[in-house]
Amino acid sequence: MDRSVSRSRSESFEHQPIRSRSRSRSRPRPRALPINVERWDEEIHQEFEYDVNFPYLHQFHPKLYYYYKENELLVPPEVPNLHPRYAEVDGKIYLGLRVFAKKDAWQSTRMVKRFGIFCRNLAVILWGGEKLLANKSIYPSDKIINPDWGERTIICPQKLELYFSLVDDFINEKMPGTSETKRYDYLHGLTQRICRKIQDIRDALDPNKKKQKKQGKRRNQRK
């Protein structure tokens, strides 16, 4: 396939409505990871070569990786690293893929000690704020909980790979001594954390959910 066509599909992927992509083609069955989380060692790790451009997706979420691969969307980003990661530029912190974070927002995010809070805050920063993140989806789905939101768009693999890498930096810096088994568990669970954050934002911004919450509080006060 022409690389220009593949590149074009990848660049526009994050802006395409989910239901516009055909799901009729059968998906290749993801290969099982040659990893026994009870026995992770150098010998096992070297038996399998992961995608050098998407190692986190390939290793920790193979099902999602092969979905992207089937749709020819695993195109390495052509955007060069404008600066070293975490470099300060004009009062902002460079994270990669032309993504900058406000210095104060990034510093407060990096200061948190709880892993889950860091992951949730990082997702908001990386995808440009809560409202933009709320209209994203990790997995392909035709289900729209609130029609007022419109169609969700799937998060692009390049930015998701960057997210994994930034979280791994946090583990190495803030959680020294983490075993490979625990590291695997942390990184494997990242997509669920993003999904929960997205749903929490949508619930908080949904006027119907707000109304139900207020009604629930009033009933509790009467009791």
N, C-alpha and C. Protein backbone atom coordinates (compact mmCIF):
# COMPACT_ATOMS: atom_id res chain seq x y z
N MET A 1 0.85 -1.21 0.00
CA MET A 1 0.00 0.00 0.00
C MET A 1 0.88 1.24 0.00
N ASP A 2 0.44 2.24 -0.71
CA ASP A 2 1.18 3.50 -0.79
C ASP A 2 1.31 4.11 0.59
N ARG A 3 2.56 4.43 1.01
CA ARG A 3 2.80 4.99 2.34
C ARG A 3 2.09 6.32 2.52
N SER A 4 1.93 7.08 1.41
CA SER A 4 1.27 8.37 1.54
C SER A 4 -0.19 8.19 1.93
N VAL A 5 -0.82 7.12 1.39
CA VAL A 5 -2.21 6.85 1.74
C VAL A 5 -2.30 6.43 3.19
N SER A 6 -1.37 5.54 3.60
CA SER A 6 -1.36 5.08 4.99
C SER A 6 -1.12 6.21 5.94
N ARG A 7 -0.20 7.11 5.59
CA ARG A 7 0.11 8.25 6.45
C ARG A 7 -1.11 9.15 6.58
N SER A 8 -1.80 9.36 5.46
CA SER A 8 -2.97 10.23 5.49
C SER A 8 -4.04 9.67 6.40
N ARG A 9 -4.23 8.34 6.34
CA ARG A 9 -5.24 7.71 7.17
C ARG A 9 -4.88 7.85 8.64
N SER A 10 -3.59 7.72 8.94
CA SER A 10 -3.17 7.82 10.34
C SER A 10 -3.36 9.22 10.88
N GLU A 11 -3.00 10.24 10.08
CA GLU A 11 -3.08 11.61 10.56
C GLU A 11 -4.51 12.04 10.81
N SER A 12 -5.45 11.49 10.02
CA SER A 12 -6.85 11.90 10.19
C SER A 12 -7.62 10.96 11.10
N PHE A 13 -6.95 9.94 11.61
CA PHE A 13 -7.63 8.89 12.37
C PHE A 13 -8.34 9.42 13.60
N GLU A 14 -7.66 10.30 14.35
CA GLU A 14 -8.22 10.76 15.60
C GLU A 14 -9.43 11.66 15.39
N HIS A 15 -9.66 12.13 14.17
CA HIS A 15 -10.77 13.03 13.89
C HIS A 15 -11.92 12.33 13.17
N GLN A 16 -11.82 11.03 12.97
CA GLN A 16 -12.86 10.31 12.26
C GLN A 16 -13.88 9.76 13.25
N PRO A 17 -15.19 9.91 12.97
CA PRO A 17 -16.19 9.29 13.83
C PRO A 17 -16.03 7.79 13.83
N ILE A 18 -16.26 7.16 14.98
CA ILE A 18 -16.05 5.73 15.10
C ILE A 18 -16.95 4.94 14.17
N ARG A 19 -18.21 5.32 14.08
CA ARG A 19 -19.13 4.49 13.31
C ARG A 19 -18.90 4.60 11.82
N SER A 20 -18.04 5.53 11.37
CA SER A 20 -17.79 5.68 9.94
C SER A 20 -16.80 4.65 9.43
N ARG A 21 -16.12 3.96 10.36
CA ARG A 21 -15.14 2.96 9.93
C ARG A 21 -15.80 1.59 9.91
N SER A 22 -15.56 0.88 8.85
CA SER A 22 -16.17 -0.43 8.70
C SER A 22 -15.57 -1.40 9.68
N ARG A 23 -16.44 -2.26 10.25
CA ARG A 23 -15.97 -3.29 11.16
C ARG A 23 -16.28 -4.66 10.59
N SER A 24 -16.50 -4.71 9.27
CA SER A 24 -16.92 -5.96 8.65
C SER A 24 -15.77 -6.92 8.47
N ARG A 25 -14.55 -6.40 8.33
CA ARG A 25 -13.42 -7.29 8.13
C ARG A 25 -13.11 -8.03 9.41
N SER A 26 -12.76 -9.28 9.26
CA SER A 26 -12.42 -10.07 10.44
C SER A 26 -11.09 -9.60 10.99
N ARG A 27 -10.99 -9.55 12.30
CA ARG A 27 -9.77 -9.08 12.93
C ARG A 27 -8.82 -10.24 13.14
N PRO A 28 -7.54 -10.02 12.95
CA PRO A 28 -6.58 -11.08 13.24
C PRO A 28 -6.55 -11.32 14.73
N ARG A 29 -6.46 -12.56 15.10
CA ARG A 29 -6.44 -12.90 16.52
C ARG A 29 -5.11 -12.45 17.13
N PRO A 30 -5.17 -11.65 18.19
CA PRO A 30 -3.92 -11.17 18.78
C PRO A 30 -3.06 -12.33 19.26
N ARG A 31 -1.77 -12.24 18.98
CA ARG A 31 -0.86 -13.25 19.47
C ARG A 31 -0.70 -13.12 20.97
N ALA A 32 -0.67 -14.25 21.64
CA ALA A 32 -0.51 -14.22 23.10
C ALA A 32 0.89 -13.74 23.45
N LEU A 33 0.96 -12.92 24.45
CA LEU A 33 2.27 -12.45 24.90
C LEU A 33 3.04 -13.59 25.55
N PRO A 34 4.31 -13.72 25.23
CA PRO A 34 5.12 -14.77 25.84
C PRO A 34 5.58 -14.35 27.22
N ILE A 35 4.64 -13.89 28.04
CA ILE A 35 5.00 -13.36 29.34
C ILE A 35 4.20 -14.07 30.41
N ASN A 36 4.89 -14.64 31.35
CA ASN A 36 4.28 -15.15 32.56
C ASN A 36 4.59 -14.14 33.64
N VAL A 37 3.56 -13.43 34.12
CA VAL A 37 3.83 -12.34 35.05
C VAL A 37 4.43 -12.85 36.35
N GLU A 38 4.34 -14.15 36.58
CA GLU A 38 4.97 -14.71 37.77
C GLU A 38 6.45 -15.02 37.51
N ARG A 39 6.85 -14.96 36.26
CA ARG A 39 8.24 -15.31 35.94
C ARG A 39 8.70 -14.43 34.79
N TRP A 40 9.07 -13.24 35.11
CA TRP A 40 9.57 -12.29 34.11
C TRP A 40 11.08 -12.21 34.28
N ASP A 41 11.80 -12.57 33.26
CA ASP A 41 13.25 -12.46 33.34
C ASP A 41 13.80 -12.08 31.97
N GLU A 42 15.09 -11.85 31.90
CA GLU A 42 15.72 -11.37 30.68
C GLU A 42 15.56 -12.36 29.54
N GLU A 43 15.61 -13.65 29.85
CA GLU A 43 15.52 -14.67 28.80
C GLU A 43 14.16 -14.62 28.11
N ILE A 44 13.09 -14.54 28.90
CA ILE A 44 11.75 -14.47 28.31
C ILE A 44 11.58 -13.19 27.51
N HIS A 45 12.06 -12.09 28.07
CA HIS A 45 11.88 -10.79 27.42
C HIS A 45 12.54 -10.75 26.05
N GLN A 46 13.63 -11.48 25.87
CA GLN A 46 14.36 -11.45 24.61
C GLN A 46 13.79 -12.42 23.58
N GLU A 47 12.86 -13.28 23.98
CA GLU A 47 12.30 -14.25 23.05
C GLU A 47 11.35 -13.60 22.06
N PHE A 48 10.86 -12.43 22.37
CA PHE A 48 9.84 -11.80 21.55
C PHE A 48 10.26 -10.38 21.22
N GLU A 49 10.19 -10.02 19.95
CA GLU A 49 10.56 -8.67 19.54
C GLU A 49 9.30 -7.84 19.34
N TYR A 50 9.21 -6.77 20.10
CA TYR A 50 8.05 -5.89 20.01
C TYR A 50 8.28 -4.84 18.93
N ASP A 51 7.19 -4.27 18.46
CA ASP A 51 7.25 -3.20 17.47
C ASP A 51 8.08 -2.05 18.02
N VAL A 52 9.15 -1.69 17.32
CA VAL A 52 10.06 -0.67 17.84
C VAL A 52 9.40 0.71 17.88
N ASN A 53 8.38 0.92 17.07
CA ASN A 53 7.70 2.21 17.04
C ASN A 53 6.52 2.28 18.02
N PHE A 54 5.98 1.13 18.38
CA PHE A 54 4.85 1.08 19.31
C PHE A 54 5.07 -0.03 20.34
N PRO A 55 6.17 -0.01 21.05
CA PRO A 55 6.48 -1.11 21.97
C PRO A 55 5.50 -1.24 23.13
N TYR A 56 5.01 -0.12 23.64
CA TYR A 56 4.09 -0.19 24.78
C TYR A 56 2.75 -0.79 24.38
N LEU A 57 2.20 -0.32 23.28
CA LEU A 57 0.94 -0.88 22.79
C LEU A 57 1.09 -2.37 22.48
N HIS A 58 2.17 -2.72 21.82
CA HIS A 58 2.39 -4.10 21.40
C HIS A 58 2.53 -5.02 22.61
N GLN A 59 3.24 -4.56 23.61
CA GLN A 59 3.54 -5.40 24.76
C GLN A 59 2.39 -5.45 25.76
N PHE A 60 1.79 -4.31 26.05
CA PHE A 60 0.84 -4.26 27.15
C PHE A 60 -0.62 -4.29 26.69
N HIS A 61 -0.88 -4.00 25.41
CA HIS A 61 -2.24 -4.07 24.89
C HIS A 61 -2.23 -4.62 23.47
N PRO A 62 -1.89 -5.89 23.31
CA PRO A 62 -1.77 -6.47 21.96
C PRO A 62 -3.08 -6.45 21.18
N LYS A 63 -4.22 -6.61 21.87
CA LYS A 63 -5.50 -6.61 21.14
C LYS A 63 -5.73 -5.26 20.47
N LEU A 64 -5.47 -4.19 21.21
CA LEU A 64 -5.61 -2.86 20.65
C LEU A 64 -4.57 -2.61 19.57
N TYR A 65 -3.37 -3.11 19.80
CA TYR A 65 -2.28 -2.96 18.82
C TYR A 65 -2.68 -3.58 17.48
N TYR A 66 -3.24 -4.79 17.52
CA TYR A 66 -3.59 -5.47 16.28
C TYR A 66 -4.83 -4.85 15.63
N TYR A 67 -5.67 -4.19 16.41
CA TYR A 67 -6.78 -3.45 15.80
C TYR A 67 -6.22 -2.30 14.96
N TYR A 68 -5.28 -1.56 15.54
CA TYR A 68 -4.65 -0.47 14.79
C TYR A 68 -3.91 -1.02 13.57
N LYS A 69 -3.24 -2.12 13.74
CA LYS A 69 -2.45 -2.69 12.64
C LYS A 69 -3.36 -3.14 11.51
N GLU A 70 -4.46 -3.76 11.85
CA GLU A 70 -5.41 -4.21 10.82
C GLU A 70 -5.90 -3.03 9.98
N ASN A 71 -6.09 -1.90 10.63
CA ASN A 71 -6.58 -0.72 9.92
C ASN A 71 -5.45 0.15 9.37
N GLU A 72 -4.23 -0.40 9.37
CA GLU A 72 -3.06 0.25 8.77
C GLU A 72 -2.83 1.64 9.37
N LEU A 73 -2.95 1.72 10.68
CA LEU A 73 -2.81 3.00 11.37
C LEU A 73 -1.56 3.08 12.24
N LEU A 74 -0.78 2.03 12.23
CA LEU A 74 0.45 2.04 13.02
C LEU A 74 1.58 2.67 12.21
N VAL A 75 1.40 3.92 11.87
CA VAL A 75 2.40 4.67 11.11
C VAL A 75 3.22 5.48 12.09
N PRO A 76 4.53 5.30 12.11
CA PRO A 76 5.36 6.09 13.03
C PRO A 76 5.14 7.57 12.80
N PRO A 77 5.01 8.35 13.86
CA PRO A 77 4.79 9.79 13.68
C PRO A 77 5.95 10.45 12.97
N GLU A 78 5.63 11.26 11.97
CA GLU A 78 6.67 11.95 11.24
C GLU A 78 7.02 13.30 11.86
N VAL A 79 6.26 13.66 12.90
CA VAL A 79 6.55 14.91 13.60
C VAL A 79 7.84 14.74 14.38
N PRO A 80 8.87 15.49 14.06
CA PRO A 80 10.13 15.34 14.79
C PRO A 80 10.00 15.88 16.20
N ASN A 81 10.83 15.37 17.09
CA ASN A 81 10.87 15.93 18.43
C ASN A 81 11.50 17.31 18.35
N LEU A 82 10.68 18.31 18.59
CA LEU A 82 11.17 19.68 18.48
C LEU A 82 12.17 20.01 19.57
N HIS A 83 12.01 19.37 20.72
CA HIS A 83 12.87 19.64 21.87
C HIS A 83 13.05 18.33 22.64
N PRO A 84 14.02 18.27 23.52
CA PRO A 84 14.13 17.11 24.41
C PRO A 84 12.89 17.02 25.30
N ARG A 85 12.53 15.81 25.67
CA ARG A 85 11.36 15.65 26.54
C ARG A 85 11.57 16.39 27.86
N TYR A 86 10.53 17.05 28.30
CA TYR A 86 10.48 17.83 29.54
C TYR A 86 11.29 19.13 29.47
N ALA A 87 11.72 19.51 28.28
CA ALA A 87 12.43 20.78 28.14
C ALA A 87 11.44 21.93 28.34
N GLU A 88 11.90 22.99 29.00
CA GLU A 88 11.06 24.17 29.21
C GLU A 88 11.25 25.13 28.04
N VAL A 89 10.15 25.48 27.39
CA VAL A 89 10.18 26.37 26.23
C VAL A 89 9.09 27.43 26.40
N ASP A 90 9.50 28.66 26.55
CA ASP A 90 8.55 29.78 26.69
C ASP A 90 7.54 29.54 27.80
N GLY A 91 8.01 29.05 28.92
CA GLY A 91 7.13 28.84 30.06
C GLY A 91 6.28 27.60 29.99
N LYS A 92 6.54 26.74 29.01
CA LYS A 92 5.79 25.50 28.87
C LYS A 92 6.75 24.32 28.85
N ILE A 93 6.23 23.14 29.17
CA ILE A 93 7.03 21.92 29.21
C ILE A 93 6.69 21.07 27.99
N TYR A 94 7.73 20.68 27.26
CA TYR A 94 7.53 19.88 26.05
C TYR A 94 7.43 18.40 26.43
N LEU A 95 6.36 17.74 25.97
CA LEU A 95 6.14 16.33 26.29
C LEU A 95 6.40 15.40 25.12
N GLY A 96 6.36 15.93 23.89
CA GLY A 96 6.53 15.10 22.70
C GLY A 96 5.36 15.28 21.75
N LEU A 97 5.57 14.90 20.47
CA LEU A 97 4.52 15.01 19.44
C LEU A 97 3.90 16.41 19.39
N ARG A 98 4.76 17.41 19.58
CA ARG A 98 4.33 18.81 19.56
C ARG A 98 3.30 19.14 20.64
N VAL A 99 3.31 18.39 21.70
CA VAL A 99 2.42 18.64 22.83
C VAL A 99 3.18 19.37 23.92
N PHE A 100 2.65 20.51 24.34
CA PHE A 100 3.24 21.29 25.43
C PHE A 100 2.24 21.35 26.58
N ALA A 101 2.77 21.39 27.79
CA ALA A 101 1.94 21.56 28.98
C ALA A 101 2.34 22.84 29.68
N LYS A 102 1.36 23.55 30.24
CA LYS A 102 1.70 24.72 31.02
C LYS A 102 2.59 24.31 32.19
N LYS A 103 3.57 25.13 32.47
CA LYS A 103 4.57 24.77 33.47
C LYS A 103 3.95 24.49 34.83
N ASP A 104 3.06 25.36 35.29
CA ASP A 104 2.47 25.16 36.61
C ASP A 104 1.58 23.92 36.66
N ALA A 105 0.84 23.67 35.56
CA ALA A 105 -0.02 22.49 35.50
C ALA A 105 0.82 21.22 35.51
N TRP A 106 1.94 21.24 34.78
CA TRP A 106 2.79 20.06 34.73
C TRP A 106 3.48 19.82 36.06
N GLN A 107 3.94 20.88 36.70
CA GLN A 107 4.62 20.73 37.99
C GLN A 107 3.67 20.17 39.05
N SER A 108 2.45 20.67 39.07
CA SER A 108 1.48 20.15 40.05
C SER A 108 1.13 18.70 39.75
N THR A 109 1.10 18.34 38.47
CA THR A 109 0.81 16.95 38.10
C THR A 109 1.95 16.03 38.52
N ARG A 110 3.18 16.45 38.28
CA ARG A 110 4.33 15.62 38.63
C ARG A 110 4.54 15.51 40.14
N MET A 111 3.97 16.45 40.91
CA MET A 111 4.16 16.43 42.36
C MET A 111 3.26 15.42 43.07
N VAL A 112 2.22 14.96 42.39
CA VAL A 112 1.30 14.02 43.05
C VAL A 112 2.02 12.71 43.32
N LYS A 113 1.62 12.06 44.39
CA LYS A 113 2.25 10.80 44.79
C LYS A 113 1.45 9.58 44.36
N ARG A 114 0.16 9.76 44.18
CA ARG A 114 -0.69 8.61 43.83
C ARG A 114 -0.66 8.37 42.33
N PHE A 115 -0.40 7.14 41.97
CA PHE A 115 -0.27 6.74 40.57
C PHE A 115 -1.53 7.04 39.78
N GLY A 116 -2.69 6.69 40.34
CA GLY A 116 -3.94 6.87 39.62
C GLY A 116 -4.25 8.33 39.32
N ILE A 117 -3.98 9.20 40.28
CA ILE A 117 -4.24 10.63 40.07
C ILE A 117 -3.33 11.18 38.97
N PHE A 118 -2.06 10.76 38.98
CA PHE A 118 -1.15 11.21 37.93
C PHE A 118 -1.66 10.78 36.56
N CYS A 119 -2.08 9.54 36.43
CA CYS A 119 -2.53 9.03 35.13
C CYS A 119 -3.74 9.80 34.62
N ARG A 120 -4.67 10.10 35.50
CA ARG A 120 -5.87 10.82 35.10
C ARG A 120 -5.54 12.26 34.70
N ASN A 121 -4.71 12.91 35.50
CA ASN A 121 -4.34 14.30 35.19
C ASN A 121 -3.52 14.38 33.90
N LEU A 122 -2.65 13.40 33.70
CA LEU A 122 -1.83 13.38 32.48
C LEU A 122 -2.71 13.25 31.24
N ALA A 123 -3.74 12.42 31.32
CA ALA A 123 -4.64 12.24 30.17
C ALA A 123 -5.31 13.56 29.80
N VAL A 124 -5.71 14.33 30.80
CA VAL A 124 -6.35 15.62 30.54
C VAL A 124 -5.37 16.57 29.86
N ILE A 125 -4.12 16.58 30.34
CA ILE A 125 -3.11 17.46 29.74
C ILE A 125 -2.80 17.04 28.31
N LEU A 126 -2.60 15.75 28.11
CA LEU A 126 -2.13 15.26 26.82
C LEU A 126 -3.18 15.44 25.72
N TRP A 127 -4.46 15.32 26.09
CA TRP A 127 -5.51 15.45 25.08
C TRP A 127 -6.19 16.81 25.09
N GLY A 128 -5.52 17.80 25.66
CA GLY A 128 -5.95 19.18 25.49
C GLY A 128 -7.11 19.66 26.34
N GLY A 129 -7.35 19.04 27.47
CA GLY A 129 -8.42 19.49 28.35
C GLY A 129 -9.55 18.49 28.48
N GLU A 130 -10.38 18.69 29.48
CA GLU A 130 -11.43 17.71 29.77
C GLU A 130 -12.47 17.61 28.66
N LYS A 131 -12.87 18.73 28.08
CA LYS A 131 -13.92 18.67 27.06
C LYS A 131 -13.48 17.93 25.81
N LEU A 132 -12.22 18.10 25.43
CA LEU A 132 -11.71 17.37 24.27
C LEU A 132 -11.53 15.90 24.60
N LEU A 133 -11.03 15.61 25.79
CA LEU A 133 -10.85 14.21 26.19
C LEU A 133 -12.19 13.49 26.29
N ALA A 134 -13.21 14.21 26.73
CA ALA A 134 -14.53 13.59 26.93
C ALA A 134 -15.12 13.05 25.64
N ASN A 135 -14.69 13.56 24.50
CA ASN A 135 -15.25 13.12 23.22
C ASN A 135 -14.35 12.11 22.52
N LYS A 136 -13.41 11.53 23.29
CA LYS A 136 -12.53 10.50 22.75
C LYS A 136 -12.96 9.13 23.25
N SER A 137 -12.43 8.11 22.61
CA SER A 137 -12.70 6.74 23.02
C SER A 137 -11.47 5.88 22.76
N ILE A 138 -11.19 4.97 23.68
CA ILE A 138 -10.08 4.04 23.49
C ILE A 138 -10.47 2.94 22.52
N TYR A 139 -11.66 2.40 22.70
CA TYR A 139 -12.09 1.25 21.91
C TYR A 139 -13.18 1.65 20.92
N PRO A 140 -13.22 0.99 19.76
CA PRO A 140 -14.27 1.29 18.78
C PRO A 140 -15.63 0.88 19.31
N SER A 141 -16.59 1.75 19.19
CA SER A 141 -17.93 1.46 19.68
C SER A 141 -18.92 2.37 18.98
N ASP A 142 -20.10 1.84 18.68
CA ASP A 142 -21.15 2.65 18.07
C ASP A 142 -22.08 3.24 19.13
N LYS A 143 -21.86 2.85 20.38
CA LYS A 143 -22.76 3.28 21.45
C LYS A 143 -22.48 4.72 21.85
N ILE A 144 -23.51 5.54 21.82
CA ILE A 144 -23.40 6.92 22.27
C ILE A 144 -24.38 7.10 23.43
N ILE A 145 -23.85 7.27 24.62
CA ILE A 145 -24.69 7.35 25.81
C ILE A 145 -25.57 8.59 25.77
N ASN A 146 -25.01 9.71 25.39
CA ASN A 146 -25.76 10.97 25.33
C ASN A 146 -25.69 11.51 23.91
N PRO A 147 -26.81 11.51 23.17
CA PRO A 147 -26.79 11.98 21.77
C PRO A 147 -26.30 13.41 21.62
N ASP A 148 -26.44 14.23 22.66
CA ASP A 148 -26.02 15.63 22.57
C ASP A 148 -24.51 15.77 22.37
N TRP A 149 -23.77 14.73 22.73
CA TRP A 149 -22.31 14.81 22.61
C TRP A 149 -21.84 14.60 21.17
N GLY A 150 -22.64 13.92 20.37
CA GLY A 150 -22.18 13.59 19.02
C GLY A 150 -21.31 12.34 19.05
N GLU A 151 -20.73 12.02 17.92
CA GLU A 151 -19.96 10.79 17.80
C GLU A 151 -18.57 10.96 18.41
N ARG A 152 -18.15 9.94 19.12
CA ARG A 152 -16.81 9.95 19.69
C ARG A 152 -15.79 9.62 18.60
N THR A 153 -14.56 10.05 18.83
CA THR A 153 -13.48 9.69 17.92
C THR A 153 -12.44 8.89 18.69
N ILE A 154 -11.81 7.95 18.01
CA ILE A 154 -10.84 7.07 18.66
C ILE A 154 -9.52 7.80 18.84
N ILE A 155 -8.94 7.60 20.01
CA ILE A 155 -7.62 8.17 20.29
C ILE A 155 -6.60 7.57 19.33
N CYS A 156 -5.73 8.39 18.78
CA CYS A 156 -4.75 7.90 17.81
C CYS A 156 -3.65 7.11 18.52
N PRO A 157 -3.11 6.09 17.88
CA PRO A 157 -2.11 5.24 18.53
C PRO A 157 -0.82 5.97 18.87
N GLN A 158 -0.44 6.97 18.08
CA GLN A 158 0.80 7.68 18.36
C GLN A 158 0.74 8.40 19.71
N LYS A 159 -0.36 9.06 19.96
CA LYS A 159 -0.48 9.79 21.23
C LYS A 159 -0.67 8.82 22.40
N LEU A 160 -1.35 7.72 22.16
CA LEU A 160 -1.52 6.72 23.21
C LEU A 160 -0.17 6.11 23.59
N GLU A 161 0.67 5.88 22.60
CA GLU A 161 2.02 5.37 22.87
C GLU A 161 2.82 6.37 23.70
N LEU A 162 2.69 7.65 23.38
CA LEU A 162 3.36 8.69 24.17
C LEU A 162 2.85 8.69 25.61
N TYR A 163 1.57 8.50 25.78
CA TYR A 163 0.97 8.45 27.12
C TYR A 163 1.60 7.32 27.94
N PHE A 164 1.70 6.14 27.35
CA PHE A 164 2.32 5.01 28.03
C PHE A 164 3.75 5.35 28.44
N SER A 165 4.48 5.96 27.55
CA SER A 165 5.88 6.28 27.81
C SER A 165 6.03 7.28 28.95
N LEU A 166 5.17 8.29 29.00
CA LEU A 166 5.22 9.28 30.06
C LEU A 166 4.85 8.67 31.41
N VAL A 167 3.89 7.78 31.41
CA VAL A 167 3.53 7.09 32.65
C VAL A 167 4.68 6.20 33.12
N ASP A 168 5.35 5.55 32.19
CA ASP A 168 6.49 4.72 32.55
C ASP A 168 7.60 5.56 33.17
N ASP A 169 7.78 6.78 32.68
CA ASP A 169 8.75 7.70 33.29
C ASP A 169 8.38 7.98 34.74
N PHE A 170 7.09 8.16 34.99
CA PHE A 170 6.62 8.42 36.36
C PHE A 170 6.91 7.24 37.26
N ILE A 171 6.68 6.04 36.76
CA ILE A 171 6.95 4.83 37.55
C ILE A 171 8.42 4.75 37.91
N ASN A 172 9.28 5.00 36.93
CA ASN A 172 10.72 4.92 37.17
C ASN A 172 11.20 5.99 38.14
N GLU A 173 10.60 7.17 38.07
CA GLU A 173 11.06 8.28 38.92
C GLU A 173 10.44 8.27 40.30
N LYS A 174 9.13 8.05 40.37
CA LYS A 174 8.40 8.18 41.64
C LYS A 174 8.18 6.86 42.36
N MET A 175 8.36 5.76 41.66
CA MET A 175 8.08 4.46 42.27
C MET A 175 9.27 3.53 42.09
N PRO A 176 10.45 3.94 42.56
CA PRO A 176 11.64 3.11 42.39
C PRO A 176 11.48 1.77 43.12
N GLY A 177 12.04 0.75 42.53
CA GLY A 177 11.93 -0.57 43.13
C GLY A 177 10.70 -1.33 42.71
N THR A 178 9.89 -0.75 41.82
CA THR A 178 8.70 -1.46 41.33
C THR A 178 9.13 -2.70 40.55
N SER A 179 8.57 -3.84 40.90
CA SER A 179 8.93 -5.07 40.20
C SER A 179 8.39 -5.05 38.78
N GLU A 180 8.95 -5.90 37.93
CA GLU A 180 8.46 -5.98 36.55
C GLU A 180 7.02 -6.48 36.51
N THR A 181 6.66 -7.33 37.46
CA THR A 181 5.28 -7.80 37.51
C THR A 181 4.32 -6.66 37.79
N LYS A 182 4.66 -5.83 38.79
CA LYS A 182 3.80 -4.69 39.12
C LYS A 182 3.80 -3.67 37.99
N ARG A 183 4.95 -3.45 37.38
CA ARG A 183 5.02 -2.51 36.26
C ARG A 183 4.10 -2.97 35.14
N TYR A 184 4.12 -4.25 34.85
CA TYR A 184 3.23 -4.79 33.82
C TYR A 184 1.77 -4.52 34.18
N ASP A 185 1.42 -4.76 35.44
CA ASP A 185 0.04 -4.53 35.87
C ASP A 185 -0.36 -3.06 35.73
N TYR A 186 0.54 -2.17 36.13
CA TYR A 186 0.25 -0.73 36.05
C TYR A 186 0.01 -0.30 34.60
N LEU A 187 0.92 -0.70 33.71
CA LEU A 187 0.83 -0.26 32.32
C LEU A 187 -0.31 -0.96 31.58
N HIS A 188 -0.57 -2.20 31.94
CA HIS A 188 -1.66 -2.93 31.31
C HIS A 188 -3.01 -2.31 31.66
N GLY A 189 -3.11 -1.69 32.84
CA GLY A 189 -4.37 -1.12 33.28
C GLY A 189 -4.61 0.32 32.85
N LEU A 190 -3.71 0.89 32.07
CA LEU A 190 -3.83 2.30 31.72
C LEU A 190 -5.05 2.62 30.87
N THR A 191 -5.40 1.76 29.94
CA THR A 191 -6.55 2.06 29.09
C THR A 191 -7.83 2.11 29.90
N GLN A 192 -7.95 1.26 30.91
CA GLN A 192 -9.13 1.30 31.77
C GLN A 192 -9.19 2.60 32.55
N ARG A 193 -8.03 3.09 32.98
CA ARG A 193 -8.00 4.35 33.71
C ARG A 193 -8.45 5.51 32.81
N ILE A 194 -8.01 5.50 31.55
CA ILE A 194 -8.43 6.55 30.63
C ILE A 194 -9.94 6.47 30.39
N CYS A 195 -10.44 5.26 30.20
CA CYS A 195 -11.88 5.09 29.96
C CYS A 195 -12.70 5.60 31.14
N ARG A 196 -12.25 5.29 32.35
CA ARG A 196 -12.98 5.76 33.54
C ARG A 196 -12.94 7.27 33.65
N LYS A 197 -11.78 7.86 33.33
CA LYS A 197 -11.67 9.32 33.38
C LYS A 197 -12.60 9.96 32.37
N ILE A 198 -12.65 9.42 31.17
CA ILE A 198 -13.53 9.95 30.13
C ILE A 198 -14.99 9.88 30.59
N GLN A 199 -15.38 8.75 31.16
CA GLN A 199 -16.76 8.60 31.60
C GLN A 199 -17.09 9.53 32.76
N ASP A 200 -16.14 9.72 33.67
CA ASP A 200 -16.35 10.64 34.79
C ASP A 200 -16.58 12.07 34.29
N ILE A 201 -15.80 12.47 33.29
CA ILE A 201 -15.96 13.81 32.73
C ILE A 201 -17.32 13.95 32.06
N ARG A 202 -17.70 12.95 31.30
CA ARG A 202 -18.99 13.01 30.60
C ARG A 202 -20.15 13.05 31.59
N ASP A 203 -20.03 12.29 32.67
CA ASP A 203 -21.08 12.30 33.70
C ASP A 203 -21.17 13.68 34.36
N ALA A 204 -19.99 14.27 34.64
CA ALA A 204 -19.96 15.57 35.31
C ALA A 204 -20.52 16.68 34.43
N LEU A 205 -20.35 16.55 33.12
CA LEU A 205 -20.82 17.58 32.20
C LEU A 205 -22.22 17.32 31.67
N ASP A 206 -22.77 16.16 31.98
CA ASP A 206 -24.10 15.79 31.49
C ASP A 206 -25.16 16.46 32.36
N PRO A 207 -25.98 17.37 31.80
CA PRO A 207 -26.99 18.05 32.62
C PRO A 207 -27.99 17.10 33.24
N ASN A 208 -28.29 16.00 32.55
CA ASN A 208 -29.23 15.02 33.10
C ASN A 208 -28.65 14.33 34.33
N LYS A 209 -27.35 14.01 34.26
CA LYS A 209 -26.69 13.37 35.40
C LYS A 209 -26.61 14.34 36.57
N LYS A 210 -26.34 15.63 36.28
CA LYS A 210 -26.28 16.63 37.35
C LYS A 210 -27.64 16.75 38.05
N LYS A 211 -28.71 16.73 37.25
CA LYS A 211 -30.05 16.84 37.81
C LYS A 211 -30.36 15.65 38.69
N GLN A 212 -29.99 14.45 38.24
CA GLN A 212 -30.23 13.25 39.02
C GLN A 212 -29.44 13.28 40.33
N LYS A 213 -28.21 13.81 40.26
CA LYS A 213 -27.37 13.89 41.45
C LYS A 213 -27.98 14.83 42.48
N LYS A 214 -28.48 16.00 42.02
CA LYS A 214 -29.11 16.96 42.93
C LYS A 214 -30.36 16.36 43.56
N GLN A 215 -31.15 15.66 42.76
CA GLN A 215 -32.36 15.04 43.29
C GLN A 215 -32.03 13.99 44.34
N GLY A 216 -30.94 13.26 44.10
CA GLY A 216 -30.51 12.26 45.06
C GLY A 216 -30.07 12.88 46.37
N LYS A 217 -29.37 14.01 46.30
CA LYS A 217 -28.93 14.70 47.52
C LYS A 217 -30.14 15.21 48.31
N ARG A 218 -31.14 15.73 47.61
CA ARG A 218 -32.34 16.23 48.30
C ARG A 218 -33.07 15.10 49.01
N ARG A 219 -33.17 13.95 48.36
CA ARG A 219 -33.84 12.81 49.00
C ARG A 219 -33.09 12.38 50.24
N ASN A 220 -31.75 12.38 50.16
CA ASN A 220 -30.95 11.99 51.32
C ASN A 220 -31.10 12.97 52.46
N GLN A 221 -31.21 14.27 52.13
CA GLN A 221 -31.37 15.29 53.18
C GLN A 221 -32.72 15.15 53.88
N ARG A 222 -33.74 14.78 53.14
CA ARG A 222 -35.07 14.61 53.73
C ARG A 222 -35.09 13.43 54.70
N LYS A 223 -34.26 12.44 54.39
CA LYS A 223 -34.21 11.27 55.27
C LYS A 223 -33.55 11.64 56.59
